[in-house]
């Protein structure tokens, strides 16, 4: 059981970072102030990404469209707004991870925000 603690903690930290990035983005773009909603969005986005990214040749494009679709489904606005939320979340995740990894040397990523 002990060998599972490290990966579980890494998963939880990455999910919290991904949720925080989406929370910040949704707060800035559409003025939605709900961290638990952002956490669920990050989890659903990560699952959607995992289910679509394996497709040969088109996988990354399909996964990105699916991830934006999840944001579009979970937040008000259209596809353009969802894409902006996704872009701002990606930038926020980069900043959060830079600070976390520089200060605490965690070496974690952001679960639910692709590419970081």
PDB file of N, CA and C in Angstrom:
ATOM      1  N   UNK A   1       0.825  -1.198   0.000  1.00  0.00           N
ATOM      2  CA  UNK A   1       0.000   0.000   0.000  1.00  0.00           C
ATOM      3  C   UNK A   1       0.865   1.256   0.000  1.00  0.00           C
ATOM      4  N   UNK A   2       1.986   1.264   0.688  1.00  0.00           N
ATOM      5  CA  UNK A   2       2.841   2.441   0.788  1.00  0.00           C
ATOM      6  C   UNK A   2       3.349   2.908  -0.571  1.00  0.00           C
ATOM      7  N   UNK A   3       3.702   2.009  -1.515  1.00  0.00           N
ATOM      8  CA  UNK A   3       4.170   2.500  -2.822  1.00  0.00           C
ATOM      9  C   UNK A   3       3.117   3.310  -3.590  1.00  0.00           C
ATOM     10  N   UNK A   4       1.862   3.200  -3.226  1.00  0.00           N
ATOM     11  CA  UNK A   4       0.809   3.955  -3.900  1.00  0.00           C
ATOM     12  C   UNK A   4       0.668   5.380  -3.375  1.00  0.00           C
ATOM     13  N   UNK A   5       1.245   5.675  -2.244  1.00  0.00           N
ATOM     14  CA  UNK A   5       1.076   6.998  -1.639  1.00  0.00           C
ATOM     15  C   UNK A   5       1.713   8.091  -2.495  1.00  0.00           C
ATOM     16  N   UNK A   6       2.916   7.864  -2.996  1.00  0.00           N
ATOM     17  CA  UNK A   6       3.597   8.857  -3.826  1.00  0.00           C
ATOM     18  C   UNK A   6       2.811   9.213  -5.078  1.00  0.00           C
ATOM     19  N   UNK A   7       2.421   8.216  -5.879  1.00  0.00           N
ATOM     20  CA  UNK A   7       1.624   8.541  -7.066  1.00  0.00           C
ATOM     21  C   UNK A   7       0.273   9.173  -6.732  1.00  0.00           C
ATOM     22  N   UNK A   8      -0.339   8.759  -5.627  1.00  0.00           N
ATOM     23  CA  UNK A   8      -1.624   9.339  -5.230  1.00  0.00           C
ATOM     24  C   UNK A   8      -1.462  10.812  -4.854  1.00  0.00           C
ATOM     25  N   UNK A   9      -0.414  11.129  -4.105  1.00  0.00           N
ATOM     26  CA  UNK A   9      -0.154  12.523  -3.737  1.00  0.00           C
ATOM     27  C   UNK A   9       0.152  13.345  -4.990  1.00  0.00           C
ATOM     28  N   UNK A  10       0.951  12.792  -5.910  1.00  0.00           N
ATOM     29  CA  UNK A  10       1.270  13.505  -7.152  1.00  0.00           C
ATOM     30  C   UNK A  10       0.005  13.760  -7.961  1.00  0.00           C
ATOM     31  N   UNK A  11      -0.878  12.768  -8.028  1.00  0.00           N
ATOM     32  CA  UNK A  11      -2.148  12.938  -8.747  1.00  0.00           C
ATOM     33  C   UNK A  11      -2.988  14.037  -8.104  1.00  0.00           C
ATOM     34  N   UNK A  12      -3.107  14.010  -6.771  1.00  0.00           N
ATOM     35  CA  UNK A  12      -3.921  15.013  -6.080  1.00  0.00           C
ATOM     36  C   UNK A  12      -3.367  16.421  -6.246  1.00  0.00           C
ATOM     37  N   UNK A  13      -2.045  16.556  -6.125  1.00  0.00           N
ATOM     38  CA  UNK A  13      -1.429  17.878  -6.309  1.00  0.00           C
ATOM     39  C   UNK A  13      -1.657  18.362  -7.743  1.00  0.00           C
ATOM     40  N   UNK A  14      -1.461  17.469  -8.724  1.00  0.00           N
ATOM     41  CA  UNK A  14      -1.654  17.844 -10.126  1.00  0.00           C
ATOM     42  C   UNK A  14      -3.117  18.210 -10.394  1.00  0.00           C
ATOM     43  N   UNK A  15      -4.055  17.481  -9.782  1.00  0.00           N
ATOM     44  CA  UNK A  15      -5.474  17.813  -9.947  1.00  0.00           C
ATOM     45  C   UNK A  15      -5.795  19.160  -9.310  1.00  0.00           C
ATOM     46  N   UNK A  16      -5.258  19.417  -8.136  1.00  0.00           N
ATOM     47  CA  UNK A  16      -5.489  20.706  -7.482  1.00  0.00           C
ATOM     48  C   UNK A  16      -4.908  21.852  -8.298  1.00  0.00           C
ATOM     49  N   UNK A  17      -3.738  21.639  -8.894  1.00  0.00           N
ATOM     50  CA  UNK A  17      -3.127  22.679  -9.736  1.00  0.00           C
ATOM     51  C   UNK A  17      -3.965  22.900 -10.990  1.00  0.00           C
ATOM     52  N   UNK A  18      -4.383  21.821 -11.647  1.00  0.00           N
ATOM     53  CA  UNK A  18      -5.228  21.947 -12.835  1.00  0.00           C
ATOM     54  C   UNK A  18      -6.547  22.626 -12.515  1.00  0.00           C
ATOM     55  N   UNK A  19      -7.146  22.244 -11.389  1.00  0.00           N
ATOM     56  CA  UNK A  19      -8.388  22.884 -10.959  1.00  0.00           C
ATOM     57  C   UNK A  19      -8.191  24.354 -10.649  1.00  0.00           C
ATOM     58  N   UNK A  20      -7.073  24.684 -10.005  1.00  0.00           N
ATOM     59  CA  UNK A  20      -6.793  26.087  -9.692  1.00  0.00           C
ATOM     60  C   UNK A  20      -6.605  26.901 -10.974  1.00  0.00           C
ATOM     61  N   UNK A  21      -5.917  26.334 -11.944  1.00  0.00           N
ATOM     62  CA  UNK A  21      -5.711  27.046 -13.211  1.00  0.00           C
ATOM     63  C   UNK A  21      -7.048  27.297 -13.911  1.00  0.00           C
ATOM     64  N   UNK A  22      -7.927  26.302 -13.937  1.00  0.00           N
ATOM     65  CA  UNK A  22      -9.237  26.483 -14.563  1.00  0.00           C
ATOM     66  C   UNK A  22     -10.082  27.459 -13.744  1.00  0.00           C
ATOM     67  N   UNK A  23      -9.986  27.372 -12.412  1.00  0.00           N
ATOM     68  CA  UNK A  23     -10.709  28.308 -11.543  1.00  0.00           C
ATOM     69  C   UNK A  23     -10.301  29.753 -11.834  1.00  0.00           C
ATOM     70  N   UNK A  24      -8.988  30.011 -11.887  1.00  0.00           N
ATOM     71  CA  UNK A  24      -8.488  31.356 -12.157  1.00  0.00           C
ATOM     72  C   UNK A  24      -8.982  31.827 -13.520  1.00  0.00           C
ATOM     73  N   UNK A  25      -8.878  30.955 -14.496  1.00  0.00           N
ATOM     74  CA  UNK A  25      -9.294  31.300 -15.851  1.00  0.00           C
ATOM     75  C   UNK A  25     -10.790  31.606 -15.921  1.00  0.00           C
ATOM     76  N   UNK A  26     -11.612  30.748 -15.334  1.00  0.00           N
ATOM     77  CA  UNK A  26     -13.065  30.962 -15.358  1.00  0.00           C
ATOM     78  C   UNK A  26     -13.435  32.226 -14.593  1.00  0.00           C
ATOM     79  N   UNK A  27     -12.719  32.500 -13.535  1.00  0.00           N
ATOM     80  CA  UNK A  27     -12.967  33.715 -12.754  1.00  0.00           C
ATOM     81  C   UNK A  27     -12.677  34.961 -13.584  1.00  0.00           C
ATOM     82  N   UNK A  28     -11.580  34.936 -14.318  1.00  0.00           N
ATOM     83  CA  UNK A  28     -11.177  36.090 -15.128  1.00  0.00           C
ATOM     84  C   UNK A  28     -12.055  36.235 -16.372  1.00  0.00           C
ATOM     85  N   UNK A  29     -12.351  35.124 -17.044  1.00  0.00           N
ATOM     86  CA  UNK A  29     -13.024  35.193 -18.344  1.00  0.00           C
ATOM     87  C   UNK A  29     -14.537  35.316 -18.213  1.00  0.00           C
ATOM     88  N   UNK A  30     -15.164  34.506 -17.352  1.00  0.00           N
ATOM     89  CA  UNK A  30     -16.632  34.505 -17.282  1.00  0.00           C
ATOM     90  C   UNK A  30     -17.171  34.817 -15.889  1.00  0.00           C
ATOM     91  N   UNK A  31     -16.299  35.223 -14.972  1.00  0.00           N
ATOM     92  CA  UNK A  31     -16.688  35.617 -13.621  1.00  0.00           C
ATOM     93  C   UNK A  31     -17.440  34.516 -12.873  1.00  0.00           C
ATOM     94  N   UNK A  32     -16.983  33.274 -13.028  1.00  0.00           N
ATOM     95  CA  UNK A  32     -17.531  32.149 -12.269  1.00  0.00           C
ATOM     96  C   UNK A  32     -16.558  31.858 -11.140  1.00  0.00           C
ATOM     97  N   UNK A  33     -17.047  31.875  -9.916  1.00  0.00           N
ATOM     98  CA  UNK A  33     -16.209  31.759  -8.725  1.00  0.00           C
ATOM     99  C   UNK A  33     -16.560  30.474  -7.976  1.00  0.00           C
ATOM    100  N   UNK A  34     -16.130  29.316  -8.506  1.00  0.00           N
ATOM    101  CA  UNK A  34     -16.477  28.034  -7.899  1.00  0.00           C
ATOM    102  C   UNK A  34     -15.336  27.052  -8.116  1.00  0.00           C
ATOM    103  N   UNK A  35     -14.498  26.876  -7.090  1.00  0.00           N
ATOM    104  CA  UNK A  35     -13.316  26.015  -7.207  1.00  0.00           C
ATOM    105  C   UNK A  35     -13.689  24.547  -7.380  1.00  0.00           C
ATOM    106  N   UNK A  36     -14.718  24.074  -6.687  1.00  0.00           N
ATOM    107  CA  UNK A  36     -15.094  22.659  -6.832  1.00  0.00           C
ATOM    108  C   UNK A  36     -15.589  22.383  -8.255  1.00  0.00           C
ATOM    109  N   UNK A  37     -16.273  23.343  -8.862  1.00  0.00           N
ATOM    110  CA  UNK A  37     -16.703  23.204 -10.258  1.00  0.00           C
ATOM    111  C   UNK A  37     -15.478  23.094 -11.176  1.00  0.00           C
ATOM    112  N   UNK A  38     -14.461  23.887 -10.885  1.00  0.00           N
ATOM    113  CA  UNK A  38     -13.228  23.851 -11.675  1.00  0.00           C
ATOM    114  C   UNK A  38     -12.495  22.528 -11.489  1.00  0.00           C
ATOM    115  N   UNK A  39     -12.491  21.986 -10.271  1.00  0.00           N
ATOM    116  CA  UNK A  39     -11.851  20.686 -10.030  1.00  0.00           C
ATOM    117  C   UNK A  39     -12.526  19.579 -10.833  1.00  0.00           C
ATOM    118  N   UNK A  40     -13.847  19.571 -10.834  1.00  0.00           N
ATOM    119  CA  UNK A  40     -14.582  18.563 -11.604  1.00  0.00           C
ATOM    120  C   UNK A  40     -14.311  18.759 -13.095  1.00  0.00           C
ATOM    121  N   UNK A  41     -14.259  20.007 -13.541  1.00  0.00           N
ATOM    122  CA  UNK A  41     -13.950  20.289 -14.942  1.00  0.00           C
ATOM    123  C   UNK A  41     -12.567  19.779 -15.303  1.00  0.00           C
ATOM    124  N   UNK A  42     -11.595  19.990 -14.422  1.00  0.00           N
ATOM    125  CA  UNK A  42     -10.233  19.492 -14.663  1.00  0.00           C
ATOM    126  C   UNK A  42     -10.229  17.968 -14.756  1.00  0.00           C
ATOM    127  N   UNK A  43     -10.923  17.312 -13.861  1.00  0.00           N
ATOM    128  CA  UNK A  43     -10.980  15.847 -13.877  1.00  0.00           C
ATOM    129  C   UNK A  43     -11.654  15.342 -15.147  1.00  0.00           C
ATOM    130  N   UNK A  44     -12.800  15.915 -15.499  1.00  0.00           N
ATOM    131  CA  UNK A  44     -13.500  15.507 -16.719  1.00  0.00           C
ATOM    132  C   UNK A  44     -12.674  15.815 -17.965  1.00  0.00           C
ATOM    133  N   UNK A  45     -12.007  16.944 -17.968  1.00  0.00           N
ATOM    134  CA  UNK A  45     -11.157  17.304 -19.097  1.00  0.00           C
ATOM    135  C   UNK A  45      -9.993  16.339 -19.256  1.00  0.00           C
ATOM    136  N   UNK A  46      -9.408  15.935 -18.143  1.00  0.00           N
ATOM    137  CA  UNK A  46      -8.298  14.981 -18.200  1.00  0.00           C
ATOM    138  C   UNK A  46      -8.768  13.615 -18.693  1.00  0.00           C
ATOM    139  N   UNK A  47      -9.928  13.191 -18.238  1.00  0.00           N
ATOM    140  CA  UNK A  47     -10.480  11.908 -18.690  1.00  0.00           C
ATOM    141  C   UNK A  47     -10.783  11.978 -20.178  1.00  0.00           C
ATOM    142  N   UNK A  48     -11.396  13.065 -20.611  1.00  0.00           N
ATOM    143  CA  UNK A  48     -11.711  13.240 -22.031  1.00  0.00           C
ATOM    144  C   UNK A  48     -10.437  13.257 -22.865  1.00  0.00           C
ATOM    145  N   UNK A  49      -9.418  13.950 -22.381  1.00  0.00           N
ATOM    146  CA  UNK A  49      -8.136  14.008 -23.075  1.00  0.00           C
ATOM    147  C   UNK A  49      -7.557  12.593 -23.201  1.00  0.00           C
ATOM    148  N   UNK A  50      -7.578  11.836 -22.128  1.00  0.00           N
ATOM    149  CA  UNK A  50      -7.021  10.480 -22.140  1.00  0.00           C
ATOM    150  C   UNK A  50      -7.778   9.562 -23.099  1.00  0.00           C
ATOM    151  N   UNK A  51      -9.080   9.741 -23.205  1.00  0.00           N
ATOM    152  CA  UNK A  51      -9.889   8.882 -24.067  1.00  0.00           C
ATOM    153  C   UNK A  51      -9.733   9.215 -25.554  1.00  0.00           C
ATOM    154  N   UNK A  52      -9.271  10.412 -25.883  1.00  0.00           N
ATOM    155  CA  UNK A  52      -9.202  10.811 -27.291  1.00  0.00           C
ATOM    156  C   UNK A  52      -7.785  11.007 -27.812  1.00  0.00           C
ATOM    157  N   UNK A  53      -6.810  11.221 -26.973  1.00  0.00           N
ATOM    158  CA  UNK A  53      -5.463  11.576 -27.443  1.00  0.00           C
ATOM    159  C   UNK A  53      -4.714  10.411 -28.073  1.00  0.00           C
ATOM    160  N   UNK A  54      -5.142   9.200 -27.862  1.00  0.00           N
ATOM    161  CA  UNK A  54      -4.432   8.029 -28.392  1.00  0.00           C
ATOM    162  C   UNK A  54      -4.713   7.776 -29.862  1.00  0.00           C
ATOM    163  N   UNK A  55      -5.705   8.433 -30.442  1.00  0.00           N
ATOM    164  CA  UNK A  55      -6.072   8.209 -31.848  1.00  0.00           C
ATOM    165  C   UNK A  55      -4.886   8.599 -32.735  1.00  0.00           C
ATOM    166  N   UNK A  56      -4.449   7.708 -33.628  1.00  0.00           N
ATOM    167  CA  UNK A  56      -3.295   8.024 -34.490  1.00  0.00           C
ATOM    168  C   UNK A  56      -3.542   9.259 -35.358  1.00  0.00           C
ATOM    169  N   UNK A  57      -2.523  10.042 -35.540  1.00  0.00           N
ATOM    170  CA  UNK A  57      -2.472  11.256 -36.358  1.00  0.00           C
ATOM    171  C   UNK A  57      -3.351  12.392 -35.857  1.00  0.00           C
ATOM    172  N   UNK A  58      -4.614  12.144 -35.638  1.00  0.00           N
ATOM    173  CA  UNK A  58      -5.536  13.206 -35.239  1.00  0.00           C
ATOM    174  C   UNK A  58      -5.759  13.296 -33.738  1.00  0.00           C
ATOM    175  N   UNK A  59      -5.157  12.397 -32.976  1.00  0.00           N
ATOM    176  CA  UNK A  59      -5.406  12.329 -31.540  1.00  0.00           C
ATOM    177  C   UNK A  59      -5.236  13.632 -30.789  1.00  0.00           C
ATOM    178  N   UNK A  60      -4.094  14.313 -30.928  1.00  0.00           N
ATOM    179  CA  UNK A  60      -3.923  15.562 -30.184  1.00  0.00           C
ATOM    180  C   UNK A  60      -4.944  16.636 -30.559  1.00  0.00           C
ATOM    181  N   UNK A  61      -5.314  16.721 -31.830  1.00  0.00           N
ATOM    182  CA  UNK A  61      -6.308  17.711 -32.255  1.00  0.00           C
ATOM    183  C   UNK A  61      -7.679  17.354 -31.708  1.00  0.00           C
ATOM    184  N   UNK A  62      -8.045  16.060 -31.829  1.00  0.00           N
ATOM    185  CA  UNK A  62      -9.329  15.611 -31.267  1.00  0.00           C
ATOM    186  C   UNK A  62      -9.375  15.820 -29.761  1.00  0.00           C
ATOM    187  N   UNK A  63      -8.259  15.536 -29.094  1.00  0.00           N
ATOM    188  CA  UNK A  63      -8.209  15.698 -27.641  1.00  0.00           C
ATOM    189  C   UNK A  63      -8.374  17.159 -27.239  1.00  0.00           C
ATOM    190  N   UNK A  64      -7.739  18.057 -27.976  1.00  0.00           N
ATOM    191  CA  UNK A  64      -7.874  19.483 -27.671  1.00  0.00           C
ATOM    192  C   UNK A  64      -9.311  19.955 -27.887  1.00  0.00           C
ATOM    193  N   UNK A  65      -9.928  19.524 -28.981  1.00  0.00           N
ATOM    194  CA  UNK A  65     -11.329  19.880 -29.235  1.00  0.00           C
ATOM    195  C   UNK A  65     -12.224  19.310 -28.137  1.00  0.00           C
ATOM    196  N   UNK A  66     -11.966  18.066 -27.729  1.00  0.00           N
ATOM    197  CA  UNK A  66     -12.765  17.437 -26.673  1.00  0.00           C
ATOM    198  C   UNK A  66     -12.584  18.173 -25.348  1.00  0.00           C
ATOM    199  N   UNK A  67     -11.357  18.598 -25.051  1.00  0.00           N
ATOM    200  CA  UNK A  67     -11.089  19.332 -23.802  1.00  0.00           C
ATOM    201  C   UNK A  67     -11.820  20.673 -23.813  1.00  0.00           C
ATOM    202  N   UNK A  68     -11.780  21.372 -24.935  1.00  0.00           N
ATOM    203  CA  UNK A  68     -12.508  22.646 -25.048  1.00  0.00           C
ATOM    204  C   UNK A  68     -14.010  22.396 -24.963  1.00  0.00           C
ATOM    205  N   UNK A  69     -14.480  21.274 -25.527  1.00  0.00           N
ATOM    206  CA  UNK A  69     -15.900  20.928 -25.433  1.00  0.00           C
ATOM    207  C   UNK A  69     -16.315  20.776 -23.966  1.00  0.00           C
ATOM    208  N   UNK A  70     -15.475  20.129 -23.150  1.00  0.00           N
ATOM    209  CA  UNK A  70     -15.785  19.969 -21.726  1.00  0.00           C
ATOM    210  C   UNK A  70     -15.913  21.338 -21.064  1.00  0.00           C
ATOM    211  N   UNK A  71     -14.978  22.232 -21.361  1.00  0.00           N
ATOM    212  CA  UNK A  71     -15.045  23.583 -20.794  1.00  0.00           C
ATOM    213  C   UNK A  71     -16.311  24.291 -21.273  1.00  0.00           C
ATOM    214  N   UNK A  72     -16.624  24.152 -22.553  1.00  0.00           N
ATOM    215  CA  UNK A  72     -17.826  24.771 -23.120  1.00  0.00           C
ATOM    216  C   UNK A  72     -19.084  24.230 -22.439  1.00  0.00           C
ATOM    217  N   UNK A  73     -19.096  22.953 -22.152  1.00  0.00           N
ATOM    218  CA  UNK A  73     -20.239  22.305 -21.499  1.00  0.00           C
ATOM    219  C   UNK A  73     -20.386  22.764 -20.046  1.00  0.00           C
ATOM    220  N   UNK A  74     -19.257  22.995 -19.369  1.00  0.00           N
ATOM    221  CA  UNK A  74     -19.270  23.289 -17.945  1.00  0.00           C
ATOM    222  C   UNK A  74     -19.396  24.782 -17.606  1.00  0.00           C
ATOM    223  N   UNK A  75     -19.075  25.659 -18.566  1.00  0.00           N
ATOM    224  CA  UNK A  75     -19.077  27.099 -18.285  1.00  0.00           C
ATOM    225  C   UNK A  75     -19.933  27.842 -19.292  1.00  0.00           C
ATOM    226  N   UNK A  76     -20.472  29.010 -18.906  1.00  0.00           N
ATOM    227  CA  UNK A  76     -21.298  29.793 -19.833  1.00  0.00           C
ATOM    228  C   UNK A  76     -20.459  30.367 -20.975  1.00  0.00           C
ATOM    229  N   UNK A  77     -21.140  30.657 -22.058  1.00  0.00           N
ATOM    230  CA  UNK A  77     -20.468  31.188 -23.241  1.00  0.00           C
ATOM    231  C   UNK A  77     -20.420  30.130 -24.320  1.00  0.00           C
ATOM    232  N   UNK A  78     -19.853  30.473 -25.418  1.00  0.00           N
ATOM    233  CA  UNK A  78     -19.765  29.535 -26.532  1.00  0.00           C
ATOM    234  C   UNK A  78     -18.384  28.927 -26.657  1.00  0.00           C
ATOM    235  N   UNK A  79     -18.118  28.406 -27.852  1.00  0.00           N
ATOM    236  CA  UNK A  79     -16.845  27.754 -28.131  1.00  0.00           C
ATOM    237  C   UNK A  79     -15.682  28.732 -28.018  1.00  0.00           C
ATOM    238  N   UNK A  80     -15.878  29.964 -28.463  1.00  0.00           N
ATOM    239  CA  UNK A  80     -14.815  30.963 -28.369  1.00  0.00           C
ATOM    240  C   UNK A  80     -14.451  31.264 -26.925  1.00  0.00           C
ATOM    241  N   UNK A  81     -15.469  31.414 -26.092  1.00  0.00           N
ATOM    242  CA  UNK A  81     -15.235  31.653 -24.668  1.00  0.00           C
ATOM    243  C   UNK A  81     -14.522  30.461 -24.032  1.00  0.00           C
ATOM    244  N   UNK A  82     -14.949  29.262 -24.397  1.00  0.00           N
ATOM    245  CA  UNK A  82     -14.315  28.051 -23.863  1.00  0.00           C
ATOM    246  C   UNK A  82     -12.848  27.976 -24.285  1.00  0.00           C
ATOM    247  N   UNK A  83     -12.556  28.351 -25.513  1.00  0.00           N
ATOM    248  CA  UNK A  83     -11.165  28.347 -25.979  1.00  0.00           C
ATOM    249  C   UNK A  83     -10.326  29.359 -25.213  1.00  0.00           C
ATOM    250  N   UNK A  84     -10.906  30.521 -24.932  1.00  0.00           N
ATOM    251  CA  UNK A  84     -10.188  31.537 -24.150  1.00  0.00           C
ATOM    252  C   UNK A  84      -9.975  31.048 -22.722  1.00  0.00           C
ATOM    253  N   UNK A  85     -10.985  30.432 -22.122  1.00  0.00           N
ATOM    254  CA  UNK A  85     -10.828  29.853 -20.777  1.00  0.00           C
ATOM    255  C   UNK A  85      -9.698  28.824 -20.801  1.00  0.00           C
ATOM    256  N   UNK A  86      -9.679  27.985 -21.818  1.00  0.00           N
ATOM    257  CA  UNK A  86      -8.624  26.978 -21.935  1.00  0.00           C
ATOM    258  C   UNK A  86      -7.243  27.596 -22.061  1.00  0.00           C
ATOM    259  N   UNK A  87      -7.117  28.631 -22.885  1.00  0.00           N
ATOM    260  CA  UNK A  87      -5.825  29.292 -23.069  1.00  0.00           C
ATOM    261  C   UNK A  87      -5.355  29.961 -21.780  1.00  0.00           C
ATOM    262  N   UNK A  88      -6.251  30.671 -21.122  1.00  0.00           N
ATOM    263  CA  UNK A  88      -5.882  31.341 -19.864  1.00  0.00           C
ATOM    264  C   UNK A  88      -5.559  30.294 -18.791  1.00  0.00           C
ATOM    265  N   UNK A  89      -6.296  29.182 -18.763  1.00  0.00           N
ATOM    266  CA  UNK A  89      -6.004  28.107 -17.803  1.00  0.00           C
ATOM    267  C   UNK A  89      -4.626  27.522 -18.069  1.00  0.00           C
ATOM    268  N   UNK A  90      -4.270  27.352 -19.323  1.00  0.00           N
ATOM    269  CA  UNK A  90      -2.967  26.812 -19.676  1.00  0.00           C
ATOM    270  C   UNK A  90      -1.863  27.765 -19.192  1.00  0.00           C
ATOM    271  N   UNK A  91      -2.044  29.069 -19.429  1.00  0.00           N
ATOM    272  CA  UNK A  91      -1.060  30.050 -18.980  1.00  0.00           C
ATOM    273  C   UNK A  91      -0.975  30.094 -17.453  1.00  0.00           C
ATOM    274  N   UNK A  92      -2.137  30.044 -16.794  1.00  0.00           N
ATOM    275  CA  UNK A  92      -2.157  30.051 -15.327  1.00  0.00           C
ATOM    276  C   UNK A  92      -1.453  28.813 -14.780  1.00  0.00           C
ATOM    277  N   UNK A  93      -1.675  27.667 -15.402  1.00  0.00           N
ATOM    278  CA  UNK A  93      -1.029  26.434 -14.951  1.00  0.00           C
ATOM    279  C   UNK A  93       0.489  26.536 -15.100  1.00  0.00           C
ATOM    280  N   UNK A  94       0.949  27.139 -16.195  1.00  0.00           N
ATOM    281  CA  UNK A  94       2.398  27.318 -16.365  1.00  0.00           C
ATOM    282  C   UNK A  94       2.994  28.147 -15.232  1.00  0.00           C
ATOM    283  N   UNK A  95       2.319  29.239 -14.889  1.00  0.00           N
ATOM    284  CA  UNK A  95       2.820  30.116 -13.823  1.00  0.00           C
ATOM    285  C   UNK A  95       2.782  29.393 -12.478  1.00  0.00           C
ATOM    286  N   UNK A  96       1.670  28.736 -12.168  1.00  0.00           N
ATOM    287  CA  UNK A  96       1.529  28.019 -10.900  1.00  0.00           C
ATOM    288  C   UNK A  96       2.601  26.946 -10.783  1.00  0.00           C
ATOM    289  N   UNK A  97       2.793  26.169 -11.851  1.00  0.00           N
ATOM    290  CA  UNK A  97       3.786  25.092 -11.811  1.00  0.00           C
ATOM    291  C   UNK A  97       5.204  25.632 -11.725  1.00  0.00           C
ATOM    292  N   UNK A  98       5.458  26.736 -12.396  1.00  0.00           N
ATOM    293  CA  UNK A  98       6.791  27.335 -12.299  1.00  0.00           C
ATOM    294  C   UNK A  98       7.102  27.704 -10.852  1.00  0.00           C
ATOM    295  N   UNK A  99       6.155  28.349 -10.192  1.00  0.00           N
ATOM    296  CA  UNK A  99       6.353  28.756  -8.795  1.00  0.00           C
ATOM    297  C   UNK A  99       6.470  27.524  -7.887  1.00  0.00           C
ATOM    298  N   UNK A 100       5.538  26.582  -8.015  1.00  0.00           N
ATOM    299  CA  UNK A 100       5.588  25.382  -7.164  1.00  0.00           C
ATOM    300  C   UNK A 100       6.881  24.605  -7.341  1.00  0.00           C
ATOM    301  N   UNK A 101       7.269  24.403  -8.590  1.00  0.00           N
ATOM    302  CA  UNK A 101       8.462  23.610  -8.843  1.00  0.00           C
ATOM    303  C   UNK A 101       9.744  24.364  -8.498  1.00  0.00           C
ATOM    304  N   UNK A 102       9.746  25.682  -8.616  1.00  0.00           N
ATOM    305  CA  UNK A 102      10.924  26.466  -8.246  1.00  0.00           C
ATOM    306  C   UNK A 102      11.077  26.549  -6.729  1.00  0.00           C
ATOM    307  N   UNK A 103       9.967  26.753  -6.036  1.00  0.00           N
ATOM    308  CA  UNK A 103      10.033  26.936  -4.582  1.00  0.00           C
ATOM    309  C   UNK A 103      10.137  25.591  -3.851  1.00  0.00           C
ATOM    310  N   UNK A 104       9.280  24.634  -4.225  1.00  0.00           N
ATOM    311  CA  UNK A 104       9.217  23.374  -3.492  1.00  0.00           C
ATOM    312  C   UNK A 104       9.902  22.211  -4.209  1.00  0.00           C
ATOM    313  N   UNK A 105      10.330  22.416  -5.429  1.00  0.00           N
ATOM    314  CA  UNK A 105      11.000  21.383  -6.234  1.00  0.00           C
ATOM    315  C   UNK A 105      10.200  20.093  -6.289  1.00  0.00           C
ATOM    316  N   UNK A 106       8.901  20.230  -6.573  1.00  0.00           N
ATOM    317  CA  UNK A 106       8.000  19.082  -6.593  1.00  0.00           C
ATOM    318  C   UNK A 106       8.097  18.280  -7.870  1.00  0.00           C
ATOM    319  N   UNK A 107       8.298  18.931  -8.998  1.00  0.00           N
ATOM    320  CA  UNK A 107       8.333  18.242 -10.273  1.00  0.00           C
ATOM    321  C   UNK A 107       6.977  17.680 -10.689  1.00  0.00           C
ATOM    322  N   UNK A 108       5.901  18.402 -10.393  1.00  0.00           N
ATOM    323  CA  UNK A 108       4.565  17.945 -10.738  1.00  0.00           C
ATOM    324  C   UNK A 108       4.061  18.660 -11.984  1.00  0.00           C
ATOM    325  N   UNK A 109       3.005  18.098 -12.562  1.00  0.00           N
ATOM    326  CA  UNK A 109       2.327  18.704 -13.695  1.00  0.00           C
ATOM    327  C   UNK A 109       0.960  19.205 -13.251  1.00  0.00           C
ATOM    328  N   UNK A 110       0.128  19.514 -14.236  1.00  0.00           N
ATOM    329  CA  UNK A 110      -1.227  19.979 -13.949  1.00  0.00           C
ATOM    330  C   UNK A 110      -2.210  19.005 -14.596  1.00  0.00           C
ATOM    331  N   UNK A 111      -2.898  18.244 -13.803  1.00  0.00           N
ATOM    332  CA  UNK A 111      -3.873  17.289 -14.293  1.00  0.00           C
ATOM    333  C   UNK A 111      -5.119  18.043 -14.728  1.00  0.00           C
ATOM    334  N   UNK A 112      -5.560  17.812 -15.931  1.00  0.00           N
ATOM    335  CA  UNK A 112      -6.757  18.492 -16.434  1.00  0.00           C
ATOM    336  C   UNK A 112      -6.474  19.708 -17.279  1.00  0.00           C
ATOM    337  N   UNK A 113      -5.191  20.062 -17.437  1.00  0.00           N
ATOM    338  CA  UNK A 113      -4.788  21.148 -18.330  1.00  0.00           C
ATOM    339  C   UNK A 113      -3.718  20.562 -19.245  1.00  0.00           C
ATOM    340  N   UNK A 114      -4.037  20.344 -20.505  1.00  0.00           N
ATOM    341  CA  UNK A 114      -3.097  19.653 -21.390  1.00  0.00           C
ATOM    342  C   UNK A 114      -1.821  20.436 -21.666  1.00  0.00           C
ATOM    343  N   UNK A 115      -0.760  19.697 -21.828  1.00  0.00           N
ATOM    344  CA  UNK A 115       0.509  20.295 -22.233  1.00  0.00           C
ATOM    345  C   UNK A 115       1.345  20.905 -21.133  1.00  0.00           C
ATOM    346  N   UNK A 116       0.907  20.799 -19.887  1.00  0.00           N
ATOM    347  CA  UNK A 116       1.727  21.330 -18.785  1.00  0.00           C
ATOM    348  C   UNK A 116       1.950  20.287 -17.726  1.00  0.00           C
TER     349      UNK A 116
END
